[in-house]
Protein backbone atom coordinates (compact mmCIF):
# COMPACT_ATOMS: atom_id res chain seq x y z
CA MET A 1 -88.70 189.91 25.33
CA ALA A 2 -89.43 189.25 29.06
CA ALA A 3 -92.99 190.85 28.56
CA LEU A 4 -93.52 188.25 25.76
CA ALA A 5 -92.19 185.57 27.79
CA GLN A 6 -94.75 186.42 30.76
CA MET A 7 -97.66 186.82 27.94
CA ALA A 8 -96.65 183.16 26.61
CA MET A 9 -96.96 181.57 30.31
CA MET A 10 -100.46 183.22 30.61
CA GLY A 11 -101.55 181.90 27.44
CA THR A 12 -102.20 185.01 25.73
CA TYR A 13 -99.60 184.94 23.00
CA ALA A 14 -98.23 182.07 21.17
CA PRO A 15 -94.94 182.78 19.84
CA SER A 16 -94.76 179.33 18.25
CA GLY A 17 -97.23 180.01 15.87
CA LEU A 18 -99.96 177.54 17.09
CA THR A 19 -103.27 177.89 15.22
CA SER A 20 -104.96 174.43 14.86
CA VAL A 21 -105.20 170.86 16.37
CA THR A 22 -106.15 167.73 15.24
CA LEU A 23 -106.89 164.39 16.67
CA LEU A 24 -104.18 161.97 16.30
CA SER A 25 -105.28 158.58 17.91
CA THR A 26 -107.99 157.17 20.56
CA THR A 27 -107.28 154.28 22.65
CA THR A 28 -109.40 152.46 25.25
CA THR A 29 -108.85 149.81 27.56
CA ALA A 30 -111.18 147.99 30.41
CA THR A 31 -108.05 147.67 32.67
CA ALA A 32 -106.27 149.87 35.04
CA SER A 33 -103.51 150.65 32.83
CA ILE A 34 -103.43 151.69 29.15
CA ASN A 35 -100.27 151.65 26.93
CA TRP A 36 -99.10 154.66 25.04
CA PRO A 37 -99.78 154.69 21.09
CA GLY A 38 -96.51 154.47 18.96
CA ASN A 39 -96.91 157.51 16.70
CA ILE A 40 -96.54 160.31 19.35
CA GLN A 41 -94.02 163.27 18.82
CA ALA A 42 -92.72 166.14 20.97
CA GLY A 43 -95.51 168.83 21.32
CA ASP A 44 -98.65 166.55 21.16
CA VAL A 45 -100.94 166.32 24.03
CA ALA A 46 -102.31 163.40 25.75
CA VAL A 47 -105.87 163.83 27.32
CA LEU A 48 -106.79 161.00 29.96
CA ILE A 49 -110.57 160.07 31.04
CA ASP A 50 -110.03 157.46 33.73
CA ILE A 51 -112.84 155.76 35.58
CA GLY A 52 -113.50 153.11 38.14
CA ILE A 53 -116.16 151.46 40.05
CA SER A 54 -115.96 149.21 43.29
CA LEU A 55 -118.37 147.50 44.90
CA SER A 56 -118.01 149.19 48.29
CA SER A 57 -119.00 152.20 50.04
CA THR A 58 -115.32 153.69 49.28
CA PRO A 59 -114.88 154.86 45.69
CA PRO A 60 -111.59 153.82 44.09
CA LEU A 61 -108.33 155.69 44.96
CA SER A 62 -107.43 158.82 42.98
CA VAL A 63 -104.61 158.21 40.43
CA THR A 64 -103.01 160.86 38.65
CA PRO A 65 -100.43 159.16 36.10
CA ALA A 66 -96.87 160.23 36.39
CA GLY A 67 -96.26 163.24 34.02
CA PHE A 68 -99.64 164.09 33.92
CA THR A 69 -101.92 167.03 35.48
CA ASN A 70 -105.02 166.47 37.02
CA PHE A 71 -108.07 168.91 35.83
CA MET A 72 -110.89 167.39 37.18
CA ASN A 73 -111.68 164.70 39.84
CA ALA A 74 -115.22 163.28 41.04
CA ALA A 75 -116.73 160.32 43.05
CA ILE A 76 -119.48 159.20 44.76
CA SER A 77 -120.07 156.69 47.67
CA ARG A 78 -122.65 154.13 47.57
CA THR A 79 -123.09 150.39 47.04
CA ALA A 80 -121.29 150.72 43.71
CA SER A 81 -119.16 153.75 44.19
CA ALA A 82 -117.31 155.49 41.21
CA ARG A 83 -114.53 158.03 40.59
CA MET A 84 -113.86 159.86 37.14
CA MET A 85 -110.51 161.66 36.78
CA LYS A 86 -109.52 163.47 33.87
CA SER A 87 -105.93 164.64 32.91
CA TYR A 88 -103.47 166.06 30.63
CA ARG A 89 -99.79 165.59 29.69
CA ILE A 90 -97.75 167.65 26.98
CA LEU A 91 -95.66 164.98 25.29
CA ASP A 92 -91.82 165.19 25.02
CA GLY A 93 -91.98 162.46 22.41
CA GLY A 94 -90.19 159.85 24.19
CA GLU A 95 -93.16 158.36 26.10
CA ALA A 96 -93.40 154.75 25.83
CA GLY A 97 -94.88 151.78 27.75
CA THR A 98 -97.53 151.78 30.09
CA ILE A 99 -99.75 154.63 31.94
CA VAL A 100 -101.15 153.29 35.23
CA GLY A 101 -104.26 154.81 36.33
CA ILE A 102 -107.55 154.07 38.53
CA ASP A 103 -108.07 150.64 39.76
CA GLY A 104 -111.41 150.13 40.12
CA ASN A 105 -111.37 146.76 41.95
CA ILE A 106 -114.54 145.35 39.79
CA LEU A 107 -114.81 147.96 36.86
CA GLN A 108 -112.69 150.12 35.12
CA GLY A 109 -111.77 151.93 32.09
CA LYS A 110 -109.57 154.34 30.32
CA LEU A 111 -109.86 156.59 26.97
CA LEU A 112 -106.77 158.18 26.08
CA TYR A 113 -106.65 160.95 23.29
CA ILE A 114 -103.45 162.16 21.65
CA PHE A 115 -103.86 165.63 20.05
CA ARG A 116 -101.63 167.12 17.43
CA PRO A 117 -100.94 170.76 17.35
CA ASN A 118 -99.57 172.51 14.09
CA ALA A 119 -96.83 173.79 16.18
CA PRO A 120 -95.48 172.67 19.76
CA VAL A 121 -98.10 173.63 22.92
CA THR A 122 -96.48 175.42 25.52
CA ALA A 123 -99.66 175.40 27.70
CA VAL A 124 -102.74 173.60 28.47
CA LEU A 125 -105.34 175.90 30.11
CA PRO A 126 -108.28 173.93 31.50
CA MET A 127 -111.56 175.86 31.91
CA VAL A 128 -111.77 177.38 35.42
CA TRP A 129 -114.78 175.97 36.73
CA TRP A 130 -114.94 172.23 35.38
CA ASN A 131 -118.56 171.05 35.43
CA SER A 132 -119.00 167.70 37.31
CA GLN A 133 -121.82 165.72 39.16
CA ALA A 134 -121.60 162.60 40.86
CA THR A 135 -125.17 161.13 41.90
CA SER A 136 -127.38 158.16 42.26
CA ASP A 137 -130.06 160.26 40.49
CA ASN A 138 -130.17 161.51 36.84
CA PRO A 139 -127.70 164.21 36.29
CA ALA A 140 -128.36 167.88 35.46
CA ALA A 141 -127.53 169.16 31.93
CA GLN A 142 -124.06 170.61 31.88
CA VAL A 143 -123.26 173.84 29.69
CA VAL A 144 -119.68 174.35 28.75
CA SER A 145 -119.47 178.17 27.99
CA ALA A 146 -116.65 178.11 25.38
CA SER A 147 -118.12 181.03 23.16
CA GLY A 148 -116.01 183.90 23.11
CA GLN A 149 -112.74 182.07 24.02
CA PRO A 150 -109.45 182.13 21.50
CA GLY A 151 -108.74 178.66 19.94
CA PRO A 152 -107.65 176.08 19.32
CA LEU A 153 -109.91 174.67 22.08
CA ILE A 154 -111.23 171.41 22.89
CA VAL A 155 -114.45 170.69 24.65
CA LEU A 156 -114.68 167.34 26.45
CA GLY A 157 -117.63 165.55 27.58
CA GLY A 158 -117.64 161.88 29.99
CA ALA A 159 -119.99 160.21 31.87
CA ILE A 160 -119.99 156.89 33.81
CA GLY A 161 -122.98 154.74 33.77
CA SER A 162 -122.84 151.47 36.23
CA SER A 163 -125.43 149.53 34.58
CA GLY A 164 -123.16 149.84 31.42
CA GLY A 165 -123.94 151.25 27.92
CA ALA A 166 -123.16 154.94 28.91
CA MET A 167 -124.38 157.34 26.69
CA PHE A 168 -125.05 161.07 26.09
CA SER A 169 -128.57 161.89 26.10
CA ILE A 170 -127.99 165.31 24.90
CA ALA A 171 -124.54 166.40 22.85
CA SER A 172 -125.56 169.86 21.34
CA PRO A 173 -123.72 170.77 19.30
CA ALA A 174 -122.58 167.42 18.20
CA PHE A 175 -119.31 166.17 19.14
CA ASP A 176 -116.84 165.31 16.58
CA ALA A 177 -116.68 161.66 17.76
CA THR A 178 -118.00 159.75 20.85
CA GLN A 179 -116.40 156.59 22.31
CA GLN A 180 -117.77 153.78 24.60
CA PHE A 181 -115.00 152.47 26.89
CA GLY A 182 -114.39 150.08 30.10
CA ASP A 183 -115.88 147.03 31.23
CA SER A 184 -119.30 146.69 29.61
CA GLY A 185 -119.09 150.08 28.31
CA ILE A 186 -119.46 151.90 31.72
CA GLY A 187 -117.64 155.04 30.30
CA ILE A 188 -118.44 157.15 27.38
CA GLY A 189 -116.15 160.03 26.12
CA GLY A 190 -116.62 162.79 23.51
CA TYR A 191 -114.89 165.49 21.98
CA LYS A 192 -115.26 168.79 19.76
CA ILE A 193 -112.20 170.80 18.17
CA TYR A 194 -112.43 174.32 17.79
CA ASN A 195 -109.52 175.83 15.79
CA THR A 196 -111.63 179.31 15.74
CA SER A 197 -114.87 180.34 16.87
CA PRO A 198 -115.83 178.06 19.90
CA ALA A 199 -119.49 177.69 20.69
CA ASP A 200 -121.30 176.84 23.86
CA HIS A 201 -122.12 173.23 24.60
CA THR A 202 -125.02 171.43 26.14
CA ILE A 203 -124.25 168.01 27.46
CA ASP A 204 -126.37 165.62 29.51
CA THR A 205 -126.89 161.61 30.39
CA GLY A 206 -129.76 159.80 31.59
CA ASP A 207 -129.88 157.90 34.88
CA GLN A 208 -127.93 154.73 34.57
CA GLY A 209 -127.29 153.71 38.32
CA THR A 210 -124.13 155.11 39.68
CA ASN A 211 -123.87 158.39 37.29
CA ILE A 212 -120.91 160.80 36.73
CA LEU A 213 -121.20 163.73 34.19
CA ALA A 214 -118.13 166.24 33.63
CA SER A 215 -117.71 168.22 30.84
CA GLY A 216 -115.68 171.48 30.17
CA TYR A 217 -113.01 172.73 27.57
CA LEU A 218 -109.22 172.67 27.14
CA ARG A 219 -107.55 175.62 25.68
CA PHE A 220 -103.88 175.01 23.77
CA SER A 221 -101.18 177.84 23.69
């Protein structure tokens, strides 16, 4: 039994029978906070993409909301400085009220995904080397090397464009869905669920002023 418990902690054994994940809800804001949806339950997983832009040479401060684990944080300092953070939380079902995150001073936004597994999640395992680039030029295309990984797995992409109307110029294979969020649509997020046989993804965005592009995957066990 001790060996099985250790394997479960490593994400190589799923005693709960976890085999599939679905998207429960998507919530967006253009503010420094976002409300929990009302239909969550224990074992769900929240994934937050949090962005902010400040009109100074100092990027908005890093904020990991209470109870969340941060797995990606990138920032750029220029006339319009920016930060993007991605964090997850395994829910106990009692979450309610407001999640407080990045305050961009001038522009900000949040995209909150709630994923529901067919059995409670015991661990979330982010890709070890998460792709991220913060630049005033055109970001380079990123490859999420997900093939060969066990499912359930979610490929995630996110981008900031300070000029507004953020978009992915390449998303191959296509995401299940994409969503602009934040003031003037300065952010965009996308996800693709793989319950079996994950594939590699190529993700890119164009030059939209101050740019941050980030992508990778989260494994559930």
